[in-house]
Amino acid sequence: MTTAFTFSYPKWVAMFPEFQGCSPTQGQAWWDRAGLQCANDVCNPAFAAGILEQLLYLLTSHIGFLTAPRDANGCLAQSGTPAPSIVGRINTASEGSVSVGAEWDGSGSPSEAWFLQTRYGAEYWQATAQFRTMRYAAQPTVVAGTIFPYIPVAGWQRFRR
């Protein structure tokens, strides 16, 4: 298996400037985690389509956004308040006595729900739709010999057509 792309912090931050507060080490760790979900090798169909690198950066950003600490202003940072632990899409919010509601929509697949938590994940999910569809075409079965091949068994006679 040959790695197709290596992580480039300057390129990633140029694509997604909101991550400039994060360190290159954090970015590399998220890139490595993205490689667990999207194979970073030349055998990946996205490599042949010419979009694998962009998909990996989107997935890196998705993982980073979900796990990156936040600074005092709520921006992504190297250190600070831990990332929110809420899972799902925020569907209700109120200000007095602070309340937040989240939903994990069960209409799609669990993978889809996980990706749709961020704009990066939603874009990744949409871009990879072409690789999630499949049509199975079975190879024809070829049997050599007669229709009912002879298997010698003690006590049984051979029947021919």
C-alpha atoms as a PDB file:
ATOM      1  CA  MET A   1       0.000   0.000   0.000  1.00  0.00           C
ATOM      2  CA  THR A   2       1.494   3.310  -1.081  1.00  0.00           C
ATOM      3  CA  THR A   3       0.574   6.519   0.736  1.00  0.00           C
ATOM      4  CA  ALA A   4      -0.804   8.932  -1.825  1.00  0.00           C
ATOM      5  CA  PHE A   5      -0.477  12.224   0.090  1.00  0.00           C
ATOM      6  CA  THR A   6       1.313  13.661   3.100  1.00  0.00           C
ATOM      7  CA  PHE A   7      -0.099  16.273   5.446  1.00  0.00           C
ATOM      8  CA  SER A   8       0.865  19.889   4.763  1.00  0.00           C
ATOM      9  CA  TYR A   9      -0.065  22.255   7.591  1.00  0.00           C
ATOM     10  CA  PRO A  10       0.330  25.445   5.467  1.00  0.00           C
ATOM     11  CA  LYS A  11      -1.864  23.995   2.725  1.00  0.00           C
ATOM     12  CA  TRP A  12      -4.521  22.868   5.230  1.00  0.00           C
ATOM     13  CA  VAL A  13      -4.631  26.274   6.975  1.00  0.00           C
ATOM     14  CA  ALA A  14      -4.807  28.009   3.596  1.00  0.00           C
ATOM     15  CA  MET A  15      -7.868  25.891   2.744  1.00  0.00           C
ATOM     16  CA  PHE A  16      -9.442  26.253   6.209  1.00  0.00           C
ATOM     17  CA  PRO A  17      -8.119  29.429   7.924  1.00  0.00           C
ATOM     18  CA  GLU A  18     -10.278  28.851  11.018  1.00  0.00           C
ATOM     19  CA  PHE A  19      -7.730  26.188  12.045  1.00  0.00           C
ATOM     20  CA  GLN A  20      -4.762  28.570  12.163  1.00  0.00           C
ATOM     21  CA  GLY A  21      -4.964  28.615  15.965  1.00  0.00           C
ATOM     22  CA  CYS A  22      -4.292  24.865  16.028  1.00  0.00           C
ATOM     23  CA  SER A  23      -0.773  23.461  15.948  1.00  0.00           C
ATOM     24  CA  PRO A  24       0.788  21.457  13.110  1.00  0.00           C
ATOM     25  CA  THR A  25       1.035  18.526  15.535  1.00  0.00           C
ATOM     26  CA  GLN A  26      -2.716  18.608  16.134  1.00  0.00           C
ATOM     27  CA  GLY A  27      -3.348  18.818  12.393  1.00  0.00           C
ATOM     28  CA  GLN A  28      -1.066  15.840  11.728  1.00  0.00           C
ATOM     29  CA  ALA A  29      -2.840  13.802  14.422  1.00  0.00           C
ATOM     30  CA  TRP A  30      -6.242  14.585  12.883  1.00  0.00           C
ATOM     31  CA  TRP A  31      -4.858  13.756   9.416  1.00  0.00           C
ATOM     32  CA  ASP A  32      -3.712  10.386  10.720  1.00  0.00           C
ATOM     33  CA  ARG A  33      -7.162   9.733  12.187  1.00  0.00           C
ATOM     34  CA  ALA A  34      -8.763  10.760   8.878  1.00  0.00           C
ATOM     35  CA  GLY A  35      -6.626   8.105   7.195  1.00  0.00           C
ATOM     36  CA  LEU A  36      -8.352   5.486   9.332  1.00  0.00           C
ATOM     37  CA  GLN A  37     -11.679   6.322   7.696  1.00  0.00           C
ATOM     38  CA  CYS A  38     -10.561   7.246   4.204  1.00  0.00           C
ATOM     39  CA  ALA A  39      -7.707   5.146   2.823  1.00  0.00           C
ATOM     40  CA  ASN A  40      -4.796   7.386   1.872  1.00  0.00           C
ATOM     41  CA  ASP A  41      -3.428   5.190  -0.875  1.00  0.00           C
ATOM     42  CA  VAL A  42      -3.342   5.000  -4.627  1.00  0.00           C
ATOM     43  CA  CYS A  43      -5.892   2.138  -4.670  1.00  0.00           C
ATOM     44  CA  ASN A  44      -8.637   4.431  -3.296  1.00  0.00           C
ATOM     45  CA  PRO A  45     -11.153   5.229  -6.071  1.00  0.00           C
ATOM     46  CA  ALA A  46     -11.045   8.886  -4.990  1.00  0.00           C
ATOM     47  CA  PHE A  47      -7.357   8.937  -5.943  1.00  0.00           C
ATOM     48  CA  ALA A  48      -8.258   7.942  -9.495  1.00  0.00           C
ATOM     49  CA  ALA A  49     -10.972  10.615  -9.486  1.00  0.00           C
ATOM     50  CA  GLY A  50      -8.381  13.221  -8.423  1.00  0.00           C
ATOM     51  CA  ILE A  51     -10.172  14.298  -5.219  1.00  0.00           C
ATOM     52  CA  LEU A  52      -8.550  12.164  -2.520  1.00  0.00           C
ATOM     53  CA  GLU A  53      -6.360  14.937  -1.091  1.00  0.00           C
ATOM     54  CA  GLN A  54      -9.304  17.325  -0.769  1.00  0.00           C
ATOM     55  CA  LEU A  55     -11.384  14.595   0.890  1.00  0.00           C
ATOM     56  CA  LEU A  56      -8.620  13.925   3.408  1.00  0.00           C
ATOM     57  CA  TYR A  57      -8.350  17.628   4.272  1.00  0.00           C
ATOM     58  CA  LEU A  58     -12.131  17.862   4.678  1.00  0.00           C
ATOM     59  CA  LEU A  59     -12.141  14.813   6.944  1.00  0.00           C
ATOM     60  CA  THR A  60      -9.186  16.216   8.907  1.00  0.00           C
ATOM     61  CA  SER A  61     -11.116  19.448   9.420  1.00  0.00           C
ATOM     62  CA  HIS A  62     -14.242  17.554  10.472  1.00  0.00           C
ATOM     63  CA  ILE A  63     -12.339  15.556  13.091  1.00  0.00           C
ATOM     64  CA  GLY A  64     -10.459  18.659  14.179  1.00  0.00           C
ATOM     65  CA  PHE A  65     -13.610  20.717  14.602  1.00  0.00           C
ATOM     66  CA  LEU A  66     -15.224  18.000  16.697  1.00  0.00           C
ATOM     67  CA  THR A  67     -12.204  17.551  18.973  1.00  0.00           C
ATOM     68  CA  ALA A  68     -10.212  20.807  19.029  1.00  0.00           C
ATOM     69  CA  PRO A  69     -10.056  22.837  22.251  1.00  0.00           C
ATOM     70  CA  ARG A  70     -11.610  26.315  22.179  1.00  0.00           C
ATOM     71  CA  ASP A  71     -10.069  29.572  23.392  1.00  0.00           C
ATOM     72  CA  ALA A  72     -11.904  32.194  25.492  1.00  0.00           C
ATOM     73  CA  ASN A  73     -13.724  33.450  22.381  1.00  0.00           C
ATOM     74  CA  GLY A  74     -14.825  29.958  21.353  1.00  0.00           C
ATOM     75  CA  CYS A  75     -12.346  29.783  18.457  1.00  0.00           C
ATOM     76  CA  LEU A  76     -10.364  26.651  17.700  1.00  0.00           C
ATOM     77  CA  ALA A  77      -7.041  26.683  19.540  1.00  0.00           C
ATOM     78  CA  GLN A  78      -4.063  24.591  20.652  1.00  0.00           C
ATOM     79  CA  SER A  79      -5.259  24.606  24.228  1.00  0.00           C
ATOM     80  CA  GLY A  80      -8.169  25.898  26.229  1.00  0.00           C
ATOM     81  CA  THR A  81     -11.626  24.638  27.039  1.00  0.00           C
ATOM     82  CA  PRO A  82     -12.176  21.049  25.848  1.00  0.00           C
ATOM     83  CA  ALA A  83     -14.255  20.557  22.733  1.00  0.00           C
ATOM     84  CA  PRO A  84     -18.005  20.354  23.350  1.00  0.00           C
ATOM     85  CA  SER A  85     -19.116  16.827  24.126  1.00  0.00           C
ATOM     86  CA  ILE A  86     -22.591  17.234  22.651  1.00  0.00           C
ATOM     87  CA  VAL A  87     -23.241  14.833  19.796  1.00  0.00           C
ATOM     88  CA  GLY A  88     -25.673  15.540  17.002  1.00  0.00           C
ATOM     89  CA  ARG A  89     -27.179  18.539  15.283  1.00  0.00           C
ATOM     90  CA  ILE A  90     -28.293  21.341  17.590  1.00  0.00           C
ATOM     91  CA  ASN A  91     -32.006  21.703  16.986  1.00  0.00           C
ATOM     92  CA  THR A  92     -33.103  23.914  19.904  1.00  0.00           C
ATOM     93  CA  ALA A  93     -31.419  26.586  21.974  1.00  0.00           C
ATOM     94  CA  SER A  94     -32.532  29.141  24.529  1.00  0.00           C
ATOM     95  CA  GLU A  95     -30.714  31.872  26.394  1.00  0.00           C
ATOM     96  CA  GLY A  96     -32.400  32.310  29.779  1.00  0.00           C
ATOM     97  CA  SER A  97     -31.156  29.508  32.069  1.00  0.00           C
ATOM     98  CA  VAL A  98     -29.209  28.226  29.052  1.00  0.00           C
ATOM     99  CA  SER A  99     -30.521  25.102  27.393  1.00  0.00           C
ATOM    100  CA  VAL A 100     -29.429  23.329  24.249  1.00  0.00           C
ATOM    101  CA  GLY A 101     -31.077  20.403  22.516  1.00  0.00           C
ATOM    102  CA  ALA A 102     -29.467  18.116  19.992  1.00  0.00           C
ATOM    103  CA  GLU A 103     -30.881  15.460  17.742  1.00  0.00           C
ATOM    104  CA  TRP A 104     -29.251  12.444  16.211  1.00  0.00           C
ATOM    105  CA  ASP A 105     -31.431  11.989  13.154  1.00  0.00           C
ATOM    106  CA  GLY A 106     -32.171   8.339  12.622  1.00  0.00           C
ATOM    107  CA  SER A 107     -33.501   8.712   9.082  1.00  0.00           C
ATOM    108  CA  GLY A 108     -30.115   8.154   7.451  1.00  0.00           C
ATOM    109  CA  SER A 109     -27.253   5.910   8.343  1.00  0.00           C
ATOM    110  CA  PRO A 110     -25.241   6.375  11.557  1.00  0.00           C
ATOM    111  CA  SER A 111     -22.292   7.399   9.394  1.00  0.00           C
ATOM    112  CA  GLU A 112     -24.320  10.125   7.732  1.00  0.00           C
ATOM    113  CA  ALA A 113     -25.421  11.506  11.097  1.00  0.00           C
ATOM    114  CA  TRP A 114     -21.812  11.625  12.295  1.00  0.00           C
ATOM    115  CA  PHE A 115     -20.629  13.473   9.186  1.00  0.00           C
ATOM    116  CA  LEU A 116     -23.480  15.992   9.208  1.00  0.00           C
ATOM    117  CA  GLN A 117     -22.385  17.437  12.560  1.00  0.00           C
ATOM    118  CA  THR A 118     -20.038  19.909  10.816  1.00  0.00           C
ATOM    119  CA  ARG A 119     -19.979  21.695   7.500  1.00  0.00           C
ATOM    120  CA  TYR A 120     -16.715  19.901   6.654  1.00  0.00           C
ATOM    121  CA  GLY A 121     -18.273  16.517   7.301  1.00  0.00           C
ATOM    122  CA  ALA A 122     -21.385  17.410   5.302  1.00  0.00           C
ATOM    123  CA  GLU A 123     -19.222  18.426   2.353  1.00  0.00           C
ATOM    124  CA  TYR A 124     -17.186  15.219   2.685  1.00  0.00           C
ATOM    125  CA  TRP A 125     -20.380  13.144   2.829  1.00  0.00           C
ATOM    126  CA  GLN A 126     -21.747  14.815  -0.299  1.00  0.00           C
ATOM    127  CA  ALA A 127     -18.454  14.517  -2.194  1.00  0.00           C
ATOM    128  CA  THR A 128     -18.136  10.812  -1.418  1.00  0.00           C
ATOM    129  CA  ALA A 129     -21.690   9.923  -2.498  1.00  0.00           C
ATOM    130  CA  GLN A 130     -20.353   8.699  -5.834  1.00  0.00           C
ATOM    131  CA  PHE A 131     -18.248   6.095  -4.030  1.00  0.00           C
ATOM    132  CA  ARG A 132     -21.020   4.841  -1.753  1.00  0.00           C
ATOM    133  CA  THR A 133     -23.240   3.560  -4.537  1.00  0.00           C
ATOM    134  CA  MET A 134     -22.751   0.129  -5.944  1.00  0.00           C
ATOM    135  CA  ARG A 135     -24.331  -2.238  -8.373  1.00  0.00           C
ATOM    136  CA  TYR A 136     -23.481  -5.867  -7.894  1.00  0.00           C
ATOM    137  CA  ALA A 137     -23.057  -7.888 -11.043  1.00  0.00           C
ATOM    138  CA  ALA A 138     -22.334 -11.535 -10.332  1.00  0.00           C
ATOM    139  CA  GLN A 139     -19.870 -13.291 -12.558  1.00  0.00           C
ATOM    140  CA  PRO A 140     -21.437 -16.164 -14.485  1.00  0.00           C
ATOM    141  CA  THR A 141     -20.791 -19.537 -12.931  1.00  0.00           C
ATOM    142  CA  VAL A 142     -19.051 -21.936 -15.256  1.00  0.00           C
ATOM    143  CA  VAL A 143     -19.185 -25.632 -14.396  1.00  0.00           C
ATOM    144  CA  ALA A 144     -16.845 -27.860 -16.292  1.00  0.00           C
ATOM    145  CA  GLY A 145     -18.103 -31.252 -17.355  1.00  0.00           C
ATOM    146  CA  THR A 146     -21.606 -32.625 -17.390  1.00  0.00           C
ATOM    147  CA  ILE A 147     -24.607 -31.118 -15.716  1.00  0.00           C
ATOM    148  CA  PHE A 148     -24.490 -33.642 -12.862  1.00  0.00           C
ATOM    149  CA  PRO A 149     -20.856 -34.630 -12.487  1.00  0.00           C
ATOM    150  CA  TYR A 150     -20.133 -38.176 -11.302  1.00  0.00           C
ATOM    151  CA  ILE A 151     -19.001 -38.466  -7.701  1.00  0.00           C
ATOM    152  CA  PRO A 152     -18.214 -42.089  -6.846  1.00  0.00           C
ATOM    153  CA  VAL A 153     -19.856 -43.156  -3.613  1.00  0.00           C
ATOM    154  CA  ALA A 154     -19.831 -46.765  -2.410  1.00  0.00           C
ATOM    155  CA  GLY A 155     -23.169 -48.439  -3.021  1.00  0.00           C
ATOM    156  CA  TRP A 156     -24.444 -45.901  -5.533  1.00  0.00           C
ATOM    157  CA  GLN A 157     -24.530 -46.422  -9.229  1.00  0.00           C
ATOM    158  CA  ARG A 158     -23.608 -43.895 -11.814  1.00  0.00           C
ATOM    159  CA  PHE A 159     -26.558 -42.448 -13.668  1.00  0.00           C
ATOM    160  CA  ARG A 160     -26.014 -41.054 -17.143  1.00  0.00           C
ATOM    161  CA  ARG A 161     -28.294 -39.156 -19.401  1.00  0.00           C
END
